[in-house]
Amino acid sequence: MAIVKSKLLKQLSKNYPNFLKKDLEKFINIILNEIKRALKRGDRCEFRGFGVFETHIQKARISRNPKTGEKVNTPEKKTIHFKMSKDLFKKLNNEG
């Protein structure tokens, strides 16, 4: 089951009933937009106890169209890389 923004908002509003739902939604949007901006600038986003988001540059290369076998030029692009923290790894693997 994937978590979507609406489910996250519902869970936050259940855990923090004294906050207005629209304020929690603004809070989530601000955090997500700041993560996007930081990654666009090439900065790392580190959340202690959770993990790190950072961008990697994928070099330009010549790839193949699997359907036709024709060569295709793939330009250089940025990709997002996530590395989980040791704490999260241990919790996911029931080690702690």
N, C-alpha and C. Protein backbone atom coordinates (compact mmCIF):
# COMPACT_ATOMS: atom_id res chain seq x y z
N MET A 1 0.85 -1.19 0.00
CA MET A 1 0.00 0.00 0.00
C MET A 1 0.89 1.24 0.00
N ALA A 2 0.66 2.11 -0.93
CA ALA A 2 1.42 3.36 -1.03
C ALA A 2 0.74 4.43 -0.17
N ILE A 3 1.55 5.34 0.33
CA ILE A 3 0.96 6.45 1.06
C ILE A 3 0.89 7.64 0.11
N VAL A 4 -0.28 8.22 0.03
CA VAL A 4 -0.48 9.40 -0.81
C VAL A 4 -0.71 10.59 0.10
N LYS A 5 -0.62 11.78 -0.49
CA LYS A 5 -0.70 13.00 0.31
C LYS A 5 -2.02 13.10 1.08
N SER A 6 -3.12 12.64 0.49
CA SER A 6 -4.41 12.73 1.17
C SER A 6 -4.46 11.82 2.41
N LYS A 7 -3.84 10.63 2.31
CA LYS A 7 -3.80 9.72 3.46
C LYS A 7 -2.90 10.28 4.56
N LEU A 8 -1.79 10.89 4.14
CA LEU A 8 -0.88 11.51 5.11
C LEU A 8 -1.60 12.65 5.82
N LEU A 9 -2.34 13.45 5.08
CA LEU A 9 -3.11 14.55 5.67
C LEU A 9 -4.16 14.03 6.63
N LYS A 10 -4.85 12.96 6.27
CA LYS A 10 -5.87 12.37 7.13
C LYS A 10 -5.26 11.87 8.44
N GLN A 11 -4.10 11.20 8.35
CA GLN A 11 -3.41 10.68 9.53
C GLN A 11 -2.92 11.81 10.42
N LEU A 12 -2.37 12.86 9.83
CA LEU A 12 -1.91 14.01 10.63
C LEU A 12 -3.08 14.70 11.32
N SER A 13 -4.21 14.85 10.61
CA SER A 13 -5.36 15.52 11.24
C SER A 13 -5.95 14.66 12.35
N LYS A 14 -5.82 13.33 12.24
CA LYS A 14 -6.29 12.44 13.31
C LYS A 14 -5.35 12.54 14.53
N ASN A 15 -4.04 12.61 14.27
CA ASN A 15 -3.07 12.68 15.37
C ASN A 15 -3.00 14.07 16.02
N TYR A 16 -3.30 15.10 15.25
CA TYR A 16 -3.25 16.48 15.76
C TYR A 16 -4.58 17.16 15.51
N PRO A 17 -5.62 16.82 16.29
CA PRO A 17 -6.96 17.36 16.04
C PRO A 17 -7.09 18.87 16.30
N ASN A 18 -6.16 19.45 17.06
CA ASN A 18 -6.25 20.88 17.35
C ASN A 18 -5.76 21.75 16.19
N PHE A 19 -5.14 21.16 15.16
CA PHE A 19 -4.72 21.91 13.97
C PHE A 19 -5.81 21.81 12.91
N LEU A 20 -6.02 22.89 12.19
CA LEU A 20 -6.98 22.88 11.09
C LEU A 20 -6.41 22.06 9.94
N LYS A 21 -7.30 21.37 9.24
CA LYS A 21 -6.87 20.52 8.13
C LYS A 21 -6.18 21.33 7.04
N LYS A 22 -6.69 22.54 6.77
CA LYS A 22 -6.08 23.37 5.71
C LYS A 22 -4.68 23.83 6.11
N ASP A 23 -4.45 24.04 7.42
CA ASP A 23 -3.11 24.42 7.88
C ASP A 23 -2.13 23.26 7.74
N LEU A 24 -2.60 22.05 8.05
CA LEU A 24 -1.75 20.86 7.89
C LEU A 24 -1.42 20.64 6.41
N GLU A 25 -2.39 20.89 5.55
CA GLU A 25 -2.16 20.73 4.12
C GLU A 25 -1.12 21.74 3.62
N LYS A 26 -1.21 22.99 4.11
CA LYS A 26 -0.21 24.00 3.76
C LYS A 26 1.17 23.58 4.25
N PHE A 27 1.23 23.02 5.44
CA PHE A 27 2.48 22.55 6.03
C PHE A 27 3.12 21.46 5.16
N ILE A 28 2.32 20.49 4.75
CA ILE A 28 2.82 19.40 3.89
C ILE A 28 3.32 19.96 2.56
N ASN A 29 2.54 20.87 1.97
CA ASN A 29 2.93 21.46 0.68
C ASN A 29 4.22 22.26 0.79
N ILE A 30 4.40 23.00 1.88
CA ILE A 30 5.63 23.77 2.08
C ILE A 30 6.82 22.84 2.17
N ILE A 31 6.70 21.77 2.94
CA ILE A 31 7.81 20.81 3.08
C ILE A 31 8.15 20.17 1.74
N LEU A 32 7.16 19.69 1.01
CA LEU A 32 7.41 19.05 -0.28
C LEU A 32 8.01 20.02 -1.29
N ASN A 33 7.53 21.27 -1.29
CA ASN A 33 8.08 22.26 -2.22
C ASN A 33 9.52 22.60 -1.89
N GLU A 34 9.85 22.67 -0.60
CA GLU A 34 11.24 22.95 -0.21
C GLU A 34 12.16 21.80 -0.59
N ILE A 35 11.68 20.57 -0.47
CA ILE A 35 12.47 19.41 -0.90
C ILE A 35 12.73 19.50 -2.41
N LYS A 36 11.68 19.81 -3.17
CA LYS A 36 11.81 19.93 -4.62
C LYS A 36 12.81 21.02 -5.00
N ARG A 37 12.70 22.17 -4.35
CA ARG A 37 13.61 23.29 -4.65
C ARG A 37 15.05 22.94 -4.33
N ALA A 38 15.26 22.29 -3.19
CA ALA A 38 16.63 21.92 -2.79
C ALA A 38 17.23 20.93 -3.79
N LEU A 39 16.45 19.95 -4.20
CA LEU A 39 16.95 18.97 -5.17
C LEU A 39 17.21 19.62 -6.53
N LYS A 40 16.39 20.57 -6.90
CA LYS A 40 16.58 21.27 -8.17
C LYS A 40 17.88 22.08 -8.15
N ARG A 41 18.22 22.65 -6.98
CA ARG A 41 19.48 23.39 -6.83
C ARG A 41 20.68 22.46 -6.76
N GLY A 42 20.44 21.18 -6.52
CA GLY A 42 21.55 20.22 -6.39
C GLY A 42 21.95 19.97 -4.95
N ASP A 43 21.16 20.45 -3.99
CA ASP A 43 21.45 20.24 -2.56
C ASP A 43 20.92 18.89 -2.10
N ARG A 44 21.44 18.43 -0.97
CA ARG A 44 20.94 17.21 -0.33
C ARG A 44 19.81 17.57 0.63
N CYS A 45 18.87 16.67 0.81
CA CYS A 45 17.82 16.83 1.82
C CYS A 45 17.98 15.68 2.81
N GLU A 46 18.39 16.01 4.02
CA GLU A 46 18.66 14.98 5.01
C GLU A 46 17.63 15.04 6.13
N PHE A 47 17.03 13.90 6.41
CA PHE A 47 16.06 13.77 7.50
C PHE A 47 16.63 12.75 8.47
N ARG A 48 17.10 13.22 9.61
CA ARG A 48 17.73 12.33 10.58
C ARG A 48 16.76 11.24 11.00
N GLY A 49 17.25 10.02 11.01
CA GLY A 49 16.43 8.88 11.39
C GLY A 49 15.55 8.35 10.26
N PHE A 50 15.56 9.02 9.11
CA PHE A 50 14.75 8.59 7.97
C PHE A 50 15.63 8.29 6.76
N GLY A 51 16.34 9.31 6.27
CA GLY A 51 17.20 9.09 5.12
C GLY A 51 17.60 10.38 4.43
N VAL A 52 18.26 10.22 3.29
CA VAL A 52 18.79 11.36 2.53
C VAL A 52 18.31 11.27 1.09
N PHE A 53 17.82 12.40 0.57
CA PHE A 53 17.50 12.53 -0.85
C PHE A 53 18.61 13.37 -1.48
N GLU A 54 19.13 12.93 -2.61
CA GLU A 54 20.10 13.73 -3.33
C GLU A 54 20.00 13.43 -4.82
N THR A 55 20.55 14.33 -5.64
CA THR A 55 20.49 14.13 -7.08
C THR A 55 21.81 13.54 -7.57
N HIS A 56 21.71 12.70 -8.57
CA HIS A 56 22.86 12.15 -9.26
C HIS A 56 22.71 12.53 -10.73
N ILE A 57 23.82 12.74 -11.39
CA ILE A 57 23.76 13.07 -12.82
C ILE A 57 24.02 11.81 -13.62
N GLN A 58 23.10 11.50 -14.50
CA GLN A 58 23.23 10.35 -15.38
C GLN A 58 23.82 10.86 -16.70
N LYS A 59 24.96 10.35 -17.08
CA LYS A 59 25.66 10.84 -18.26
C LYS A 59 24.86 10.57 -19.54
N ALA A 60 25.13 11.41 -20.54
CA ALA A 60 24.51 11.20 -21.86
C ALA A 60 25.07 9.90 -22.44
N ARG A 61 24.23 9.18 -23.16
CA ARG A 61 24.68 7.90 -23.71
C ARG A 61 23.85 7.55 -24.93
N ILE A 62 24.32 6.55 -25.62
CA ILE A 62 23.56 6.03 -26.76
C ILE A 62 22.88 4.75 -26.27
N SER A 63 21.56 4.74 -26.33
CA SER A 63 20.80 3.56 -25.88
C SER A 63 20.04 3.00 -27.08
N ARG A 64 19.32 1.93 -26.83
CA ARG A 64 18.58 1.27 -27.91
C ARG A 64 17.09 1.25 -27.60
N ASN A 65 16.30 1.43 -28.63
CA ASN A 65 14.87 1.24 -28.52
C ASN A 65 14.64 -0.27 -28.52
N PRO A 66 14.11 -0.83 -27.41
CA PRO A 66 13.97 -2.28 -27.34
C PRO A 66 13.01 -2.88 -28.36
N LYS A 67 12.08 -2.09 -28.83
CA LYS A 67 11.10 -2.60 -29.78
C LYS A 67 11.70 -2.73 -31.19
N THR A 68 12.44 -1.69 -31.62
CA THR A 68 12.97 -1.68 -32.98
C THR A 68 14.45 -1.99 -33.07
N GLY A 69 15.17 -1.86 -31.95
CA GLY A 69 16.61 -2.08 -31.95
C GLY A 69 17.39 -0.88 -32.46
N GLU A 70 16.70 0.21 -32.78
CA GLU A 70 17.34 1.40 -33.32
C GLU A 70 18.08 2.16 -32.21
N LYS A 71 19.24 2.75 -32.55
CA LYS A 71 20.03 3.50 -31.57
C LYS A 71 19.38 4.86 -31.33
N VAL A 72 19.36 5.27 -30.06
CA VAL A 72 18.74 6.53 -29.66
C VAL A 72 19.71 7.28 -28.76
N ASN A 73 19.88 8.58 -29.01
CA ASN A 73 20.72 9.40 -28.13
C ASN A 73 19.91 9.79 -26.90
N THR A 74 20.43 9.46 -25.72
CA THR A 74 19.78 9.82 -24.47
C THR A 74 20.60 10.94 -23.85
N PRO A 75 20.00 12.13 -23.63
CA PRO A 75 20.77 13.25 -23.08
C PRO A 75 21.09 13.07 -21.60
N GLU A 76 22.03 13.89 -21.11
CA GLU A 76 22.37 13.88 -19.70
C GLU A 76 21.15 14.33 -18.89
N LYS A 77 20.93 13.71 -17.72
CA LYS A 77 19.78 14.10 -16.90
C LYS A 77 20.08 13.85 -15.44
N LYS A 78 19.30 14.53 -14.59
CA LYS A 78 19.42 14.35 -13.15
C LYS A 78 18.43 13.29 -12.70
N THR A 79 18.86 12.46 -11.75
CA THR A 79 17.96 11.48 -11.14
C THR A 79 18.00 11.67 -9.63
N ILE A 80 16.95 11.26 -8.96
CA ILE A 80 16.88 11.38 -7.50
C ILE A 80 17.31 10.06 -6.89
N HIS A 81 18.18 10.15 -5.91
CA HIS A 81 18.69 8.97 -5.21
C HIS A 81 18.28 9.09 -3.74
N PHE A 82 17.74 8.01 -3.18
CA PHE A 82 17.36 8.00 -1.76
C PHE A 82 18.18 6.94 -1.04
N LYS A 83 18.77 7.32 0.06
CA LYS A 83 19.49 6.35 0.90
C LYS A 83 18.87 6.41 2.29
N MET A 84 18.37 5.27 2.74
CA MET A 84 17.71 5.25 4.05
C MET A 84 18.74 5.27 5.16
N SER A 85 18.32 5.76 6.33
CA SER A 85 19.20 5.81 7.50
C SER A 85 19.33 4.41 8.10
N LYS A 86 20.35 4.26 8.92
CA LYS A 86 20.55 2.97 9.59
C LYS A 86 19.38 2.66 10.52
N ASP A 87 18.85 3.69 11.19
CA ASP A 87 17.71 3.50 12.09
C ASP A 87 16.51 2.94 11.33
N LEU A 88 16.19 3.54 10.19
CA LEU A 88 15.06 3.08 9.39
C LEU A 88 15.32 1.66 8.88
N PHE A 89 16.54 1.38 8.45
CA PHE A 89 16.90 0.05 7.97
C PHE A 89 16.66 -0.99 9.06
N LYS A 90 17.08 -0.67 10.29
CA LYS A 90 16.91 -1.61 11.40
C LYS A 90 15.44 -1.84 11.72
N LYS A 91 14.63 -0.76 11.68
CA LYS A 91 13.21 -0.90 11.96
C LYS A 91 12.50 -1.73 10.89
N LEU A 92 12.87 -1.51 9.63
CA LEU A 92 12.27 -2.27 8.54
C LEU A 92 12.62 -3.76 8.61
N ASN A 93 13.79 -4.07 9.11
CA ASN A 93 14.27 -5.44 9.17
C ASN A 93 14.15 -6.04 10.57
N ASN A 94 13.34 -5.43 11.42
CA ASN A 94 13.07 -5.91 12.78
C ASN A 94 14.33 -6.19 13.58
N GLU A 95 15.32 -5.29 13.46
CA GLU A 95 16.55 -5.46 14.19
C GLU A 95 16.65 -4.53 15.40
N GLY A 96 15.66 -3.69 15.58
CA GLY A 96 15.79 -2.78 16.70
C GLY A 96 14.54 -2.13 17.14
